[in-house]
PDB file of N, CA and C in Angstrom:
ATOM      1  N   MET A   1       0.819  -1.027  -0.166  1.00  0.00           N
ATOM      2  CA  MET A   1      -0.434  -0.107  -0.166  1.00  0.00           C
ATOM      3  C   MET A   1       0.939   1.284  -0.146  1.00  0.00           C
ATOM      4  N   ARG A   2       0.409   2.409  -0.297  1.00  0.00           N
ATOM      5  CA  ARG A   2       1.377   3.014  -0.513  1.00  0.00           C
ATOM      6  C   ARG A   2       0.628   4.311   0.358  1.00  0.00           C
ATOM      7  N   PHE A   3      -0.522   4.873   0.361  1.00  0.00           N
ATOM      8  CA  PHE A   3      -1.013   5.370   1.405  1.00  0.00           C
ATOM      9  C   PHE A   3      -1.147   4.947   3.085  1.00  0.00           C
ATOM     10  N   LEU A   4      -0.949   5.006   4.082  1.00  0.00           N
ATOM     11  CA  LEU A   4      -1.035   4.226   5.329  1.00  0.00           C
ATOM     12  C   LEU A   4      -2.146   5.246   5.886  1.00  0.00           C
ATOM     13  N   ARG A   5      -3.262   4.745   6.628  1.00  0.00           N
ATOM     14  CA  ARG A   5      -3.804   5.012   7.725  1.00  0.00           C
ATOM     15  C   ARG A   5      -2.719   5.433   9.525  1.00  0.00           C
ATOM     16  N   LEU A   6      -3.267   6.564   9.832  1.00  0.00           N
ATOM     17  CA  LEU A   6      -3.304   7.013  11.322  1.00  0.00           C
ATOM     18  C   LEU A   6      -2.696   5.803  11.990  1.00  0.00           C
ATOM     19  N   GLU A   7      -3.562   4.854  12.233  1.00  0.00           N
ATOM     20  CA  GLU A   7      -3.763   4.063  12.903  1.00  0.00           C
ATOM     21  C   GLU A   7      -2.737   2.815  12.721  1.00  0.00           C
ATOM     22  N   ASP A   8      -2.315   2.834  11.265  1.00  0.00           N
ATOM     23  CA  ASP A   8      -1.386   1.587  10.777  1.00  0.00           C
ATOM     24  C   ASP A   8      -0.178   2.178  11.167  1.00  0.00           C
ATOM     25  N   VAL A   9      -0.020   3.506  11.042  1.00  0.00           N
ATOM     26  CA  VAL A   9       1.464   4.118  11.210  1.00  0.00           C
ATOM     27  C   VAL A   9       2.055   4.100  12.799  1.00  0.00           C
ATOM     28  N   ALA A  10       1.151   3.982  13.621  1.00  0.00           N
ATOM     29  CA  ALA A  10       1.078   4.400  15.101  1.00  0.00           C
ATOM     30  C   ALA A  10       1.096   2.672  15.558  1.00  0.00           C
ATOM     31  N   GLU A  11       0.335   1.598  14.595  1.00  0.00           N
ATOM     32  CA  GLU A  11       1.506  -0.028  14.486  1.00  0.00           C
ATOM     33  C   GLU A  11       2.907   0.257  14.994  1.00  0.00           C
ATOM     34  N   GLU A  12       3.152   0.655  13.445  1.00  0.00           N
ATOM     35  CA  GLU A  12       4.644   0.698  12.679  1.00  0.00           C
ATOM     36  C   GLU A  12       5.633   1.174  13.677  1.00  0.00           C
ATOM     37  N   LEU A  13       5.266   1.938  13.782  1.00  0.00           N
ATOM     38  CA  LEU A  13       5.962   2.730  15.423  1.00  0.00           C
ATOM     39  C   LEU A  13       5.639   2.339  16.990  1.00  0.00           C
ATOM     40  N   ASN A  14       4.877   1.511  16.880  1.00  0.00           N
ATOM     41  CA  ASN A  14       4.363   0.901  18.718  1.00  0.00           C
ATOM     42  C   ASN A  14       4.100   2.158  19.287  1.00  0.00           C
ATOM     43  N   VAL A  15       3.056   3.518  18.777  1.00  0.00           N
ATOM     44  CA  VAL A  15       3.061   3.863  19.918  1.00  0.00           C
ATOM     45  C   VAL A  15       1.647   4.437  19.466  1.00  0.00           C
ATOM     46  N   LYS A  16       0.733   5.400  20.120  1.00  0.00           N
ATOM     47  CA  LYS A  16      -0.269   5.939  20.382  1.00  0.00           C
ATOM     48  C   LYS A  16      -0.556   6.572  19.464  1.00  0.00           C
ATOM     49  N   LEU A  17      -2.647   6.205  19.115  1.00  0.00           N
ATOM     50  CA  LEU A  17      -2.341   6.981  18.271  1.00  0.00           C
ATOM     51  C   LEU A  17      -2.314   8.974  18.194  1.00  0.00           C
ATOM     52  N   PRO A  18      -2.312   9.093  19.100  1.00  0.00           N
ATOM     53  CA  PRO A  18      -2.498  10.677  19.842  1.00  0.00           C
ATOM     54  C   PRO A  18      -0.975  11.374  19.373  1.00  0.00           C
ATOM     55  N   GLN A  19       0.103  10.288  19.263  1.00  0.00           N
ATOM     56  CA  GLN A  19       1.280  11.182  19.495  1.00  0.00           C
ATOM     57  C   GLN A  19       1.800  10.980  17.532  1.00  0.00           C
ATOM     58  N   VAL A  20       1.296  10.256  16.767  1.00  0.00           N
ATOM     59  CA  VAL A  20       1.296  10.054  15.464  1.00  0.00           C
ATOM     60  C   VAL A  20       0.472  11.225  14.972  1.00  0.00           C
ATOM     61  N   ARG A  21      -0.640  11.510  15.124  1.00  0.00           N
ATOM     62  CA  ARG A  21      -1.144  12.798  15.434  1.00  0.00           C
ATOM     63  C   ARG A  21      -0.849  13.907  15.858  1.00  0.00           C
ATOM     64  N   ALA A  22       0.149  14.078  16.787  1.00  0.00           N
ATOM     65  CA  ALA A  22       0.856  15.145  17.224  1.00  0.00           C
ATOM     66  C   ALA A  22       2.295  15.451  15.741  1.00  0.00           C
ATOM     67  N   LEU A  23       2.452  14.305  15.814  1.00  0.00           N
ATOM     68  CA  LEU A  23       3.548  14.214  14.554  1.00  0.00           C
ATOM     69  C   LEU A  23       3.252  15.073  13.403  1.00  0.00           C
ATOM     70  N   VAL A  24       1.794  14.442  13.040  1.00  0.00           N
ATOM     71  CA  VAL A  24       0.957  14.672  11.815  1.00  0.00           C
ATOM     72  C   VAL A  24       0.812  16.879  11.803  1.00  0.00           C
ATOM     73  N   LYS A  25      -0.241  16.936  12.810  1.00  0.00           N
ATOM     74  CA  LYS A  25      -0.076  18.612  13.811  1.00  0.00           C
ATOM     75  C   LYS A  25       1.413  19.081  13.381  1.00  0.00           C
ATOM     76  N   SER A  26       2.492  19.061  14.402  1.00  0.00           N
ATOM     77  CA  SER A  26       3.287  19.346  14.129  1.00  0.00           C
ATOM     78  C   SER A  26       4.277  19.351  12.805  1.00  0.00           C
ATOM     79  N   GLY A  27       4.151  18.918  11.837  1.00  0.00           N
ATOM     80  CA  GLY A  27       4.672  18.665  10.374  1.00  0.00           C
ATOM     81  C   GLY A  27       6.104  17.811  10.497  1.00  0.00           C
ATOM     82  N   GLU A  28       5.967  17.460  11.480  1.00  0.00           N
ATOM     83  CA  GLU A  28       7.000  16.428  11.359  1.00  0.00           C
ATOM     84  C   GLU A  28       6.648  15.326  10.573  1.00  0.00           C
ATOM     85  N   LEU A  29       5.856  15.062  10.822  1.00  0.00           N
ATOM     86  CA  LEU A  29       5.520  13.878   9.738  1.00  0.00           C
ATOM     87  C   LEU A  29       4.444  14.498   9.000  1.00  0.00           C
ATOM     88  N   PRO A  30       4.708  14.321   7.345  1.00  0.00           N
ATOM     89  CA  PRO A  30       3.977  14.927   6.368  1.00  0.00           C
ATOM     90  C   PRO A  30       2.545  13.724   6.051  1.00  0.00           C
ATOM     91  N   ALA A  31       1.589  14.571   6.291  1.00  0.00           N
ATOM     92  CA  ALA A  31       0.501  14.104   5.975  1.00  0.00           C
ATOM     93  C   ALA A  31      -0.427  14.344   4.600  1.00  0.00           C
ATOM     94  N   ILE A  32      -1.815  13.233   4.522  1.00  0.00           N
ATOM     95  CA  ILE A  32      -2.528  14.291   3.455  1.00  0.00           C
ATOM     96  C   ILE A  32      -3.541  13.853   3.977  1.00  0.00           C
ATOM     97  N   GLN A  33      -4.945  14.976   3.804  1.00  0.00           N
ATOM     98  CA  GLN A  33      -6.130  14.484   3.779  1.00  0.00           C
ATOM     99  C   GLN A  33      -7.170  14.063   3.326  1.00  0.00           C
ATOM    100  N   ILE A  34      -7.413  13.484   3.252  1.00  0.00           N
ATOM    101  CA  ILE A  34      -8.170  12.285   1.742  1.00  0.00           C
ATOM    102  C   ILE A  34      -9.628  12.214   2.111  1.00  0.00           C
ATOM    103  N   GLY A  35     -10.727  12.581   0.778  1.00  0.00           N
ATOM    104  CA  GLY A  35     -11.795  12.525   1.049  1.00  0.00           C
ATOM    105  C   GLY A  35     -12.762  13.405   2.033  1.00  0.00           C
ATOM    106  N   GLY A  36     -14.070  13.515   1.147  1.00  0.00           N
ATOM    107  CA  GLY A  36     -15.275  14.570   2.058  1.00  0.00           C
ATOM    108  C   GLY A  36     -14.369  14.465   3.910  1.00  0.00           C
ATOM    109  N   ARG A  37     -14.685  13.281   4.240  1.00  0.00           N
ATOM    110  CA  ARG A  37     -14.067  13.282   6.107  1.00  0.00           C
ATOM    111  C   ARG A  37     -13.049  13.863   6.301  1.00  0.00           C
ATOM    112  N   GLY A  38     -12.056  14.228   5.267  1.00  0.00           N
ATOM    113  CA  GLY A  38     -10.695  14.453   5.201  1.00  0.00           C
ATOM    114  C   GLY A  38     -10.435  13.458   6.588  1.00  0.00           C
ATOM    115  N   MET A  39     -10.234  11.880   6.224  1.00  0.00           N
ATOM    116  CA  MET A  39      -9.171  11.527   7.148  1.00  0.00           C
ATOM    117  C   MET A  39      -8.110  11.681   6.306  1.00  0.00           C
ATOM    118  N   TRP A  40      -7.261  11.514   7.824  1.00  0.00           N
ATOM    119  CA  TRP A  40      -5.664  11.746   7.113  1.00  0.00           C
ATOM    120  C   TRP A  40      -4.364  10.095   6.742  1.00  0.00           C
ATOM    121  N   ARG A  41      -3.807  10.644   5.879  1.00  0.00           N
ATOM    122  CA  ARG A  41      -2.574   9.171   5.272  1.00  0.00           C
ATOM    123  C   ARG A  41      -1.492   9.902   5.011  1.00  0.00           C
ATOM    124  N   VAL A  42      -0.763   9.026   5.244  1.00  0.00           N
ATOM    125  CA  VAL A  42       0.688   8.728   5.363  1.00  0.00           C
ATOM    126  C   VAL A  42       1.147   7.802   4.411  1.00  0.00           C
ATOM    127  N   GLU A  43       2.247   8.426   3.353  1.00  0.00           N
ATOM    128  CA  GLU A  43       2.991   8.090   2.163  1.00  0.00           C
ATOM    129  C   GLU A  43       3.367   7.366   3.490  1.00  0.00           C
ATOM    130  N   ARG A  44       3.677   5.895   2.293  1.00  0.00           N
ATOM    131  CA  ARG A  44       4.656   4.793   3.504  1.00  0.00           C
ATOM    132  C   ARG A  44       6.470   5.236   2.679  1.00  0.00           C
ATOM    133  N   VAL A  45       6.689   5.833   2.056  1.00  0.00           N
ATOM    134  CA  VAL A  45       7.626   6.346   2.009  1.00  0.00           C
ATOM    135  C   VAL A  45       7.855   7.506   2.840  1.00  0.00           C
ATOM    136  N   ALA A  46       7.141   8.519   2.993  1.00  0.00           N
ATOM    137  CA  ALA A  46       7.404   9.525   4.084  1.00  0.00           C
ATOM    138  C   ALA A  46       7.322   9.209   5.455  1.00  0.00           C
ATOM    139  N   LEU A  47       6.763   7.529   5.744  1.00  0.00           N
ATOM    140  CA  LEU A  47       7.012   7.039   7.017  1.00  0.00           C
ATOM    141  C   LEU A  47       8.826   6.931   7.354  1.00  0.00           C
ATOM    142  N   GLU A  48       8.842   6.089   5.677  1.00  0.00           N
ATOM    143  CA  GLU A  48       9.955   5.892   6.318  1.00  0.00           C
ATOM    144  C   GLU A  48      10.992   6.828   5.804  1.00  0.00           C
ATOM    145  N   ASN A  49      11.595   8.009   5.378  1.00  0.00           N
ATOM    146  CA  ASN A  49      12.143   8.719   5.464  1.00  0.00           C
ATOM    147  C   ASN A  49      11.951   9.590   7.128  1.00  0.00           C
ATOM    148  N   TYR A  50      11.154   9.364   7.451  1.00  0.00           N
ATOM    149  CA  TYR A  50      10.863   9.720   9.534  1.00  0.00           C
ATOM    150  C   TYR A  50      11.336   8.770   9.981  1.00  0.00           C
ATOM    151  N   ILE A  51      11.112   8.033   9.949  1.00  0.00           N
ATOM    152  CA  ILE A  51      12.510   6.759  10.764  1.00  0.00           C
ATOM    153  C   ILE A  51      13.837   6.599   9.733  1.00  0.00           C
ATOM    154  N   GLU A  52      14.183   7.159   8.988  1.00  0.00           N
ATOM    155  CA  GLU A  52      15.858   7.048   8.553  1.00  0.00           C
ATOM    156  C   GLU A  52      16.238   8.802   9.973  1.00  0.00           C
ATOM    157  N   GLU A  53      15.333   9.931   9.470  1.00  0.00           N
ATOM    158  CA  GLU A  53      15.898  10.633   9.671  1.00  0.00           C
ATOM    159  C   GLU A  53      15.861  10.509  11.681  1.00  0.00           C
ATOM    160  N   ARG A  54      14.723  10.422  11.957  1.00  0.00           N
ATOM    161  CA  ARG A  54      14.848   9.662  13.984  1.00  0.00           C
ATOM    162  C   ARG A  54      16.331   9.030  13.567  1.00  0.00           C
ATOM    163  N   TYR A  55      17.053   7.807  12.872  1.00  0.00           N
ATOM    164  CA  TYR A  55      17.962   6.980  13.613  1.00  0.00           C
ATOM    165  C   TYR A  55      18.652   7.721  13.263  1.00  0.00           C
ATOM    166  N   ALA A  56      18.895   8.925  11.993  1.00  0.00           N
ATOM    167  CA  ALA A  56      20.391   9.940  12.358  1.00  0.00           C
ATOM    168  C   ALA A  56      20.045  10.811  13.216  1.00  0.00           C
ATOM    169  N   GLN A  57      19.304  11.407  13.427  1.00  0.00           N
ATOM    170  CA  GLN A  57      19.122  11.995  14.816  1.00  0.00           C
ATOM    171  C   GLN A  57      19.639  11.003  16.551  1.00  0.00           C
ATOM    172  N   ALA A  58      19.394   9.883  16.391  1.00  0.00           N
ATOM    173  CA  ALA A  58      19.683   9.299  17.023  1.00  0.00           C
ATOM    174  C   ALA A  58      21.239   9.032  16.780  1.00  0.00           C
ATOM    175  N   ARG A  59      21.773   8.666  16.048  1.00  0.00           N
ATOM    176  CA  ARG A  59      23.265   8.638  15.689  1.00  0.00           C
ATOM    177  C   ARG A  59      24.194  10.171  16.038  1.00  0.00           C
ATOM    178  N   ASN A  60      23.410  11.135  15.883  1.00  0.00           N
ATOM    179  CA  ASN A  60      23.834  12.331  15.747  1.00  0.00           C
ATOM    180  C   ASN A  60      23.983  12.745  17.608  1.00  0.00           C
ATOM    181  N   ASP A  61      23.154  12.576  18.279  1.00  0.00           N
ATOM    182  CA  ASP A  61      23.224  12.816  19.809  1.00  0.00           C
ATOM    183  C   ASP A  61      23.949  11.391  20.489  1.00  0.00           C
ATOM    184  N   ILE A  62      23.687  10.658  19.835  1.00  0.00           N
ATOM    185  CA  ILE A  62      24.725   9.276  20.461  1.00  0.00           C
ATOM    186  C   ILE A  62      26.353   9.966  20.532  1.00  0.00           C
ATOM    187  N   ALA A  63      27.279  10.636  19.245  1.00  0.00           N
ATOM    188  CA  ALA A  63      28.199  11.196  19.069  1.00  0.00           C
ATOM    189  C   ALA A  63      28.458  12.583  19.977  1.00  0.00           C
ATOM    190  N   ASN A  64      27.276  13.646  20.143  1.00  0.00           N
ATOM    191  CA  ASN A  64      27.678  14.416  20.457  1.00  0.00           C
ATOM    192  C   ASN A  64      27.678  14.069  22.289  1.00  0.00           C
ATOM    193  N   GLU A  65      27.158  13.080  22.438  1.00  0.00           N
ATOM    194  CA  GLU A  65      27.183  12.642  24.456  1.00  0.00           C
ATOM    195  C   GLU A  65      28.799  12.318  24.603  1.00  0.00           C
ATOM    196  N   SER A  66      28.672  11.162  23.424  1.00  0.00           N
ATOM    197  CA  SER A  66      30.650  11.180  23.601  1.00  0.00           C
ATOM    198  C   SER A  66      31.595  11.890  23.529  1.00  0.00           C
ATOM    199  N   GLN A  67      31.079  13.094  22.891  1.00  0.00           N
ATOM    200  CA  GLN A  67      32.191  13.701  22.912  1.00  0.00           C
ATOM    201  C   GLN A  67      32.075  14.898  23.809  1.00  0.00           C
ATOM    202  N   ALA A  68      31.204  14.705  25.032  1.00  0.00           N
ATOM    203  CA  ALA A  68      30.991  15.884  26.203  1.00  0.00           C
ATOM    204  C   ALA A  68      32.004  14.821  27.299  1.00  0.00           C
TER     205      ALA A  68
END
């Protein structure tokens, strides 16, 4: 599937739905609204990019901690 529901994203990240909603609202996780009811969807590639960015940030944080 190209697009994921927010519930699916929460399951993949092993977090609660409100946390995913907060990520979308802040713009940290790109999403679009689809249909008349405005259901949010996250493109799978956007989720994968978000995960990679989190890994990069974690590596950077660890490197900075070891230099301190």
